[in-house]
């Protein structure tokens, strides 16, 4: 994969997240989208405590999803 096509930023974690937790990224993004009014870290904590995600994976999902929602 060339540098021009290589996925960067939080989305670079997505293949690992899908492999580790056995669910598509869409599943996790749907959960994040349902957390309106909560802060980034509140949603990260929810993913960690209620769904067993690691901090880095939860943070990547939240960061990517919230950025997408703002655009």
PDB file of N, CA and C in Angstrom:
ATOM      1  N   UNK A   1       0.850  -1.179   0.000  1.00  0.00           N
ATOM      2  CA  UNK A   1       0.000   0.000   0.000  1.00  0.00           C
ATOM      3  C   UNK A   1       0.891   1.235   0.000  1.00  0.00           C
ATOM      4  N   UNK A   2       0.645   2.136  -0.910  1.00  0.00           N
ATOM      5  CA  UNK A   2       1.462   3.338  -0.987  1.00  0.00           C
ATOM      6  C   UNK A   2       1.059   4.317   0.112  1.00  0.00           C
ATOM      7  N   UNK A   3       1.945   5.277   0.356  1.00  0.00           N
ATOM      8  CA  UNK A   3       1.640   6.283   1.378  1.00  0.00           C
ATOM      9  C   UNK A   3       0.383   7.071   1.028  1.00  0.00           C
ATOM     10  N   UNK A   4       0.100   7.235  -0.266  1.00  0.00           N
ATOM     11  CA  UNK A   4      -1.065   7.998  -0.689  1.00  0.00           C
ATOM     12  C   UNK A   4      -2.372   7.270  -0.387  1.00  0.00           C
ATOM     13  N   UNK A   5      -2.343   5.930  -0.361  1.00  0.00           N
ATOM     14  CA  UNK A   5      -3.574   5.170  -0.124  1.00  0.00           C
ATOM     15  C   UNK A   5      -3.649   4.593   1.288  1.00  0.00           C
ATOM     16  N   UNK A   6      -2.594   4.722   2.053  1.00  0.00           N
ATOM     17  CA  UNK A   6      -2.572   4.168   3.403  1.00  0.00           C
ATOM     18  C   UNK A   6      -3.515   4.949   4.319  1.00  0.00           C
ATOM     19  N   UNK A   7      -4.348   4.234   5.057  1.00  0.00           N
ATOM     20  CA  UNK A   7      -5.291   4.868   5.980  1.00  0.00           C
ATOM     21  C   UNK A   7      -4.517   5.428   7.164  1.00  0.00           C
ATOM     22  N   UNK A   8      -4.836   6.661   7.526  1.00  0.00           N
ATOM     23  CA  UNK A   8      -4.147   7.322   8.629  1.00  0.00           C
ATOM     24  C   UNK A   8      -5.146   7.731   9.694  1.00  0.00           C
ATOM     25  N   UNK A   9      -4.639   8.116  10.831  1.00  0.00           N
ATOM     26  CA  UNK A   9      -5.479   8.611  11.907  1.00  0.00           C
ATOM     27  C   UNK A   9      -6.258   7.496  12.584  1.00  0.00           C
ATOM     28  N   UNK A  10      -7.336   7.858  13.277  1.00  0.00           N
ATOM     29  CA  UNK A  10      -8.106   6.872  14.035  1.00  0.00           C
ATOM     30  C   UNK A  10      -8.603   5.697  13.200  1.00  0.00           C
ATOM     31  N   UNK A  11      -8.943   5.937  11.943  1.00  0.00           N
ATOM     32  CA  UNK A  11      -9.468   4.861  11.093  1.00  0.00           C
ATOM     33  C   UNK A  11      -8.441   3.768  10.845  1.00  0.00           C
ATOM     34  N   UNK A  12      -7.161   4.060  11.073  1.00  0.00           N
ATOM     35  CA  UNK A  12      -6.133   3.031  10.879  1.00  0.00           C
ATOM     36  C   UNK A  12      -6.297   1.885  11.880  1.00  0.00           C
ATOM     37  N   UNK A  13      -7.015   2.122  12.957  1.00  0.00           N
ATOM     38  CA  UNK A  13      -7.271   1.087  13.963  1.00  0.00           C
ATOM     39  C   UNK A  13      -8.449   0.175  13.597  1.00  0.00           C
ATOM     40  N   UNK A  14      -9.269   0.575  12.646  1.00  0.00           N
ATOM     41  CA  UNK A  14     -10.513  -0.138  12.369  1.00  0.00           C
ATOM     42  C   UNK A  14     -10.339  -1.618  12.041  1.00  0.00           C
ATOM     43  N   UNK A  15      -9.398  -2.018  11.188  1.00  0.00           N
ATOM     44  CA  UNK A  15      -9.256  -3.459  10.925  1.00  0.00           C
ATOM     45  C   UNK A  15      -8.933  -4.258  12.189  1.00  0.00           C
ATOM     46  N   UNK A  16      -8.086  -3.720  13.036  1.00  0.00           N
ATOM     47  CA  UNK A  16      -7.735  -4.396  14.285  1.00  0.00           C
ATOM     48  C   UNK A  16      -8.930  -4.482  15.226  1.00  0.00           C
ATOM     49  N   UNK A  17      -9.725  -3.419  15.277  1.00  0.00           N
ATOM     50  CA  UNK A  17     -10.913  -3.394  16.137  1.00  0.00           C
ATOM     51  C   UNK A  17     -11.905  -4.460  15.682  1.00  0.00           C
ATOM     52  N   UNK A  18     -12.140  -4.535  14.379  1.00  0.00           N
ATOM     53  CA  UNK A  18     -13.077  -5.538  13.860  1.00  0.00           C
ATOM     54  C   UNK A  18     -12.586  -6.950  14.155  1.00  0.00           C
ATOM     55  N   UNK A  19     -11.300  -7.177  13.987  1.00  0.00           N
ATOM     56  CA  UNK A  19     -10.733  -8.500  14.241  1.00  0.00           C
ATOM     57  C   UNK A  19     -10.785  -8.852  15.732  1.00  0.00           C
ATOM     58  N   UNK A  20     -10.447  -7.905  16.581  1.00  0.00           N
ATOM     59  CA  UNK A  20     -10.372  -8.152  18.019  1.00  0.00           C
ATOM     60  C   UNK A  20     -11.748  -8.387  18.644  1.00  0.00           C
ATOM     61  N   UNK A  21     -12.735  -7.584  18.248  1.00  0.00           N
ATOM     62  CA  UNK A  21     -14.043  -7.633  18.913  1.00  0.00           C
ATOM     63  C   UNK A  21     -15.124  -8.333  18.105  1.00  0.00           C
ATOM     64  N   UNK A  22     -14.822  -8.706  16.865  1.00  0.00           N
ATOM     65  CA  UNK A  22     -15.751  -9.494  16.059  1.00  0.00           C
ATOM     66  C   UNK A  22     -17.007  -8.782  15.598  1.00  0.00           C
ATOM     67  N   UNK A  23     -16.976  -7.467  15.603  1.00  0.00           N
ATOM     68  CA  UNK A  23     -18.133  -6.696  15.145  1.00  0.00           C
ATOM     69  C   UNK A  23     -17.641  -5.642  14.163  1.00  0.00           C
ATOM     70  N   UNK A  24     -18.472  -5.283  13.190  1.00  0.00           N
ATOM     71  CA  UNK A  24     -18.060  -4.256  12.231  1.00  0.00           C
ATOM     72  C   UNK A  24     -17.985  -2.881  12.891  1.00  0.00           C
ATOM     73  N   UNK A  25     -17.188  -2.013  12.319  1.00  0.00           N
ATOM     74  CA  UNK A  25     -17.044  -0.654  12.846  1.00  0.00           C
ATOM     75  C   UNK A  25     -18.396   0.041  12.909  1.00  0.00           C
ATOM     76  N   UNK A  26     -19.262  -0.229  11.956  1.00  0.00           N
ATOM     77  CA  UNK A  26     -20.597   0.383  11.945  1.00  0.00           C
ATOM     78  C   UNK A  26     -21.329   0.140  13.274  1.00  0.00           C
ATOM     79  N   UNK A  27     -21.174  -1.053  13.843  1.00  0.00           N
ATOM     80  CA  UNK A  27     -21.805  -1.388  15.128  1.00  0.00           C
ATOM     81  C   UNK A  27     -21.360  -0.402  16.206  1.00  0.00           C
ATOM     82  N   UNK A  28     -20.049  -0.188  16.291  1.00  0.00           N
ATOM     83  CA  UNK A  28     -19.510   0.697  17.327  1.00  0.00           C
ATOM     84  C   UNK A  28     -19.875   2.148  17.055  1.00  0.00           C
ATOM     85  N   UNK A  29     -19.868   2.537  15.770  1.00  0.00           N
ATOM     86  CA  UNK A  29     -20.231   3.907  15.438  1.00  0.00           C
ATOM     87  C   UNK A  29     -21.700   4.187  15.749  1.00  0.00           C
ATOM     88  N   UNK A  30     -22.553   3.195  15.568  1.00  0.00           N
ATOM     89  CA  UNK A  30     -23.967   3.369  15.923  1.00  0.00           C
ATOM     90  C   UNK A  30     -24.118   3.639  17.414  1.00  0.00           C
ATOM     91  N   UNK A  31     -23.347   2.933  18.227  1.00  0.00           N
ATOM     92  CA  UNK A  31     -23.385   3.162  19.680  1.00  0.00           C
ATOM     93  C   UNK A  31     -22.938   4.583  19.998  1.00  0.00           C
ATOM     94  N   UNK A  32     -21.856   5.024  19.372  1.00  0.00           N
ATOM     95  CA  UNK A  32     -21.357   6.386  19.607  1.00  0.00           C
ATOM     96  C   UNK A  32     -22.406   7.415  19.199  1.00  0.00           C
ATOM     97  N   UNK A  33     -23.041   7.220  18.065  1.00  0.00           N
ATOM     98  CA  UNK A  33     -24.038   8.183  17.578  1.00  0.00           C
ATOM     99  C   UNK A  33     -25.241   8.298  18.514  1.00  0.00           C
ATOM    100  N   UNK A  34     -25.489   7.280  19.300  1.00  0.00           N
ATOM    101  CA  UNK A  34     -26.620   7.293  20.239  1.00  0.00           C
ATOM    102  C   UNK A  34     -26.283   8.036  21.539  1.00  0.00           C
ATOM    103  N   UNK A  35     -25.074   8.526  21.669  1.00  0.00           N
ATOM    104  CA  UNK A  35     -24.630   9.151  22.922  1.00  0.00           C
ATOM    105  C   UNK A  35     -24.635  10.673  22.857  1.00  0.00           C
ATOM    106  N   UNK A  36     -25.583  11.235  22.163  1.00  0.00           N
ATOM    107  CA  UNK A  36     -25.633  12.687  22.011  1.00  0.00           C
ATOM    108  C   UNK A  36     -25.664  13.374  23.369  1.00  0.00           C
ATOM    109  N   UNK A  37     -24.910  14.457  23.469  1.00  0.00           N
ATOM    110  CA  UNK A  37     -24.851  15.220  24.711  1.00  0.00           C
ATOM    111  C   UNK A  37     -23.736  14.780  25.638  1.00  0.00           C
ATOM    112  N   UNK A  38     -23.087  13.652  25.330  1.00  0.00           N
ATOM    113  CA  UNK A  38     -21.977  13.177  26.167  1.00  0.00           C
ATOM    114  C   UNK A  38     -20.663  13.649  25.568  1.00  0.00           C
ATOM    115  N   UNK A  39     -19.676  13.803  26.438  1.00  0.00           N
ATOM    116  CA  UNK A  39     -18.360  14.220  25.971  1.00  0.00           C
ATOM    117  C   UNK A  39     -17.615  13.042  25.354  1.00  0.00           C
ATOM    118  N   UNK A  40     -16.550  13.380  24.649  1.00  0.00           N
ATOM    119  CA  UNK A  40     -15.688  12.366  24.032  1.00  0.00           C
ATOM    120  C   UNK A  40     -15.286  11.320  25.072  1.00  0.00           C
ATOM    121  N   UNK A  41     -14.774  11.774  26.203  1.00  0.00           N
ATOM    122  CA  UNK A  41     -14.275  10.824  27.208  1.00  0.00           C
ATOM    123  C   UNK A  41     -15.402  10.042  27.887  1.00  0.00           C
ATOM    124  N   UNK A  42     -16.571  10.615  28.013  1.00  0.00           N
ATOM    125  CA  UNK A  42     -17.704   9.861  28.561  1.00  0.00           C
ATOM    126  C   UNK A  42     -18.059   8.700  27.635  1.00  0.00           C
ATOM    127  N   UNK A  43     -17.987   8.931  26.333  1.00  0.00           N
ATOM    128  CA  UNK A  43     -18.303   7.870  25.375  1.00  0.00           C
ATOM    129  C   UNK A  43     -17.195   6.815  25.372  1.00  0.00           C
ATOM    130  N   UNK A  44     -15.942   7.251  25.454  1.00  0.00           N
ATOM    131  CA  UNK A  44     -14.825   6.306  25.548  1.00  0.00           C
ATOM    132  C   UNK A  44     -15.019   5.405  26.766  1.00  0.00           C
ATOM    133  N   UNK A  45     -15.344   6.000  27.885  1.00  0.00           N
ATOM    134  CA  UNK A  45     -15.561   5.231  29.120  1.00  0.00           C
ATOM    135  C   UNK A  45     -16.702   4.242  28.957  1.00  0.00           C
ATOM    136  N   UNK A  46     -17.772   4.651  28.308  1.00  0.00           N
ATOM    137  CA  UNK A  46     -18.904   3.758  28.071  1.00  0.00           C
ATOM    138  C   UNK A  46     -18.469   2.545  27.240  1.00  0.00           C
ATOM    139  N   UNK A  47     -17.724   2.784  26.171  1.00  0.00           N
ATOM    140  CA  UNK A  47     -17.271   1.675  25.327  1.00  0.00           C
ATOM    141  C   UNK A  47     -16.355   0.729  26.106  1.00  0.00           C
ATOM    142  N   UNK A  48     -15.543   1.295  26.973  1.00  0.00           N
ATOM    143  CA  UNK A  48     -14.625   0.469  27.766  1.00  0.00           C
ATOM    144  C   UNK A  48     -15.366  -0.344  28.825  1.00  0.00           C
ATOM    145  N   UNK A  49     -16.236   0.302  29.574  1.00  0.00           N
ATOM    146  CA  UNK A  49     -16.878  -0.372  30.704  1.00  0.00           C
ATOM    147  C   UNK A  49     -18.050  -1.260  30.286  1.00  0.00           C
ATOM    148  N   UNK A  50     -18.863  -0.789  29.352  1.00  0.00           N
ATOM    149  CA  UNK A  50     -20.053  -1.547  28.962  1.00  0.00           C
ATOM    150  C   UNK A  50     -19.792  -2.572  27.867  1.00  0.00           C
ATOM    151  N   UNK A  51     -18.724  -2.354  27.083  1.00  0.00           N
ATOM    152  CA  UNK A  51     -18.500  -3.214  25.917  1.00  0.00           C
ATOM    153  C   UNK A  51     -17.123  -3.872  25.880  1.00  0.00           C
ATOM    154  N   UNK A  52     -16.262  -3.558  26.850  1.00  0.00           N
ATOM    155  CA  UNK A  52     -14.974  -4.235  26.973  1.00  0.00           C
ATOM    156  C   UNK A  52     -13.901  -3.817  25.986  1.00  0.00           C
ATOM    157  N   UNK A  53     -14.044  -2.666  25.355  1.00  0.00           N
ATOM    158  CA  UNK A  53     -13.019  -2.208  24.428  1.00  0.00           C
ATOM    159  C   UNK A  53     -11.831  -1.654  25.201  1.00  0.00           C
ATOM    160  N   UNK A  54     -10.652  -1.767  24.611  1.00  0.00           N
ATOM    161  CA  UNK A  54      -9.469  -1.137  25.173  1.00  0.00           C
ATOM    162  C   UNK A  54      -9.533   0.364  24.945  1.00  0.00           C
ATOM    163  N   UNK A  55      -8.743   1.101  25.708  1.00  0.00           N
ATOM    164  CA  UNK A  55      -8.785   2.562  25.632  1.00  0.00           C
ATOM    165  C   UNK A  55      -8.457   3.083  24.235  1.00  0.00           C
ATOM    166  N   UNK A  56      -7.388   2.600  23.637  1.00  0.00           N
ATOM    167  CA  UNK A  56      -6.985   3.088  22.321  1.00  0.00           C
ATOM    168  C   UNK A  56      -8.030   2.826  21.252  1.00  0.00           C
ATOM    169  N   UNK A  57      -8.609   1.631  21.289  1.00  0.00           N
ATOM    170  CA  UNK A  57      -9.641   1.292  20.312  1.00  0.00           C
ATOM    171  C   UNK A  57     -10.890   2.144  20.525  1.00  0.00           C
ATOM    172  N   UNK A  58     -11.320   2.284  21.762  1.00  0.00           N
ATOM    173  CA  UNK A  58     -12.500   3.106  22.059  1.00  0.00           C
ATOM    174  C   UNK A  58     -12.258   4.550  21.635  1.00  0.00           C
ATOM    175  N   UNK A  59     -11.093   5.072  21.947  1.00  0.00           N
ATOM    176  CA  UNK A  59     -10.759   6.449  21.600  1.00  0.00           C
ATOM    177  C   UNK A  59     -10.762   6.654  20.090  1.00  0.00           C
ATOM    178  N   UNK A  60     -10.226   5.701  19.349  1.00  0.00           N
ATOM    179  CA  UNK A  60     -10.187   5.808  17.884  1.00  0.00           C
ATOM    180  C   UNK A  60     -11.594   5.832  17.301  1.00  0.00           C
ATOM    181  N   UNK A  61     -12.461   4.962  17.787  1.00  0.00           N
ATOM    182  CA  UNK A  61     -13.841   4.921  17.289  1.00  0.00           C
ATOM    183  C   UNK A  61     -14.559   6.236  17.582  1.00  0.00           C
ATOM    184  N   UNK A  62     -14.424   6.710  18.811  1.00  0.00           N
ATOM    185  CA  UNK A  62     -15.106   7.951  19.195  1.00  0.00           C
ATOM    186  C   UNK A  62     -14.570   9.133  18.390  1.00  0.00           C
ATOM    187  N   UNK A  63     -13.258   9.245  18.275  1.00  0.00           N
ATOM    188  CA  UNK A  63     -12.665  10.367  17.546  1.00  0.00           C
ATOM    189  C   UNK A  63     -13.119  10.381  16.092  1.00  0.00           C
ATOM    190  N   UNK A  64     -13.066   9.236  15.438  1.00  0.00           N
ATOM    191  CA  UNK A  64     -13.449   9.157  14.018  1.00  0.00           C
ATOM    192  C   UNK A  64     -14.937   9.443  13.837  1.00  0.00           C
ATOM    193  N   UNK A  65     -15.751   8.897  14.721  1.00  0.00           N
ATOM    194  CA  UNK A  65     -17.205   9.052  14.573  1.00  0.00           C
ATOM    195  C   UNK A  65     -17.636  10.489  14.860  1.00  0.00           C
ATOM    196  N   UNK A  66     -17.108  11.075  15.904  1.00  0.00           N
ATOM    197  CA  UNK A  66     -17.482  12.453  16.213  1.00  0.00           C
ATOM    198  C   UNK A  66     -16.996  13.418  15.127  1.00  0.00           C
ATOM    199  N   UNK A  67     -15.831  13.177  14.574  1.00  0.00           N
ATOM    200  CA  UNK A  67     -15.325  14.017  13.479  1.00  0.00           C
ATOM    201  C   UNK A  67     -16.234  13.894  12.256  1.00  0.00           C
ATOM    202  N   UNK A  68     -16.666  12.673  11.983  1.00  0.00           N
ATOM    203  CA  UNK A  68     -17.561  12.435  10.852  1.00  0.00           C
ATOM    204  C   UNK A  68     -18.900  13.146  11.068  1.00  0.00           C
ATOM    205  N   UNK A  69     -19.390  13.122  12.303  1.00  0.00           N
ATOM    206  CA  UNK A  69     -20.675  13.749  12.609  1.00  0.00           C
ATOM    207  C   UNK A  69     -20.604  15.270  12.480  1.00  0.00           C
ATOM    208  N   UNK A  70     -19.429  15.848  12.719  1.00  0.00           N
ATOM    209  CA  UNK A  70     -19.278  17.302  12.627  1.00  0.00           C
ATOM    210  C   UNK A  70     -19.180  17.785  11.193  1.00  0.00           C
ATOM    211  N   UNK A  71     -18.733  16.893  10.306  1.00  0.00           N
ATOM    212  CA  UNK A  71     -18.535  17.329   8.911  1.00  0.00           C
ATOM    213  C   UNK A  71     -19.791  17.213   8.077  1.00  0.00           C
TER     214      UNK A  71
END
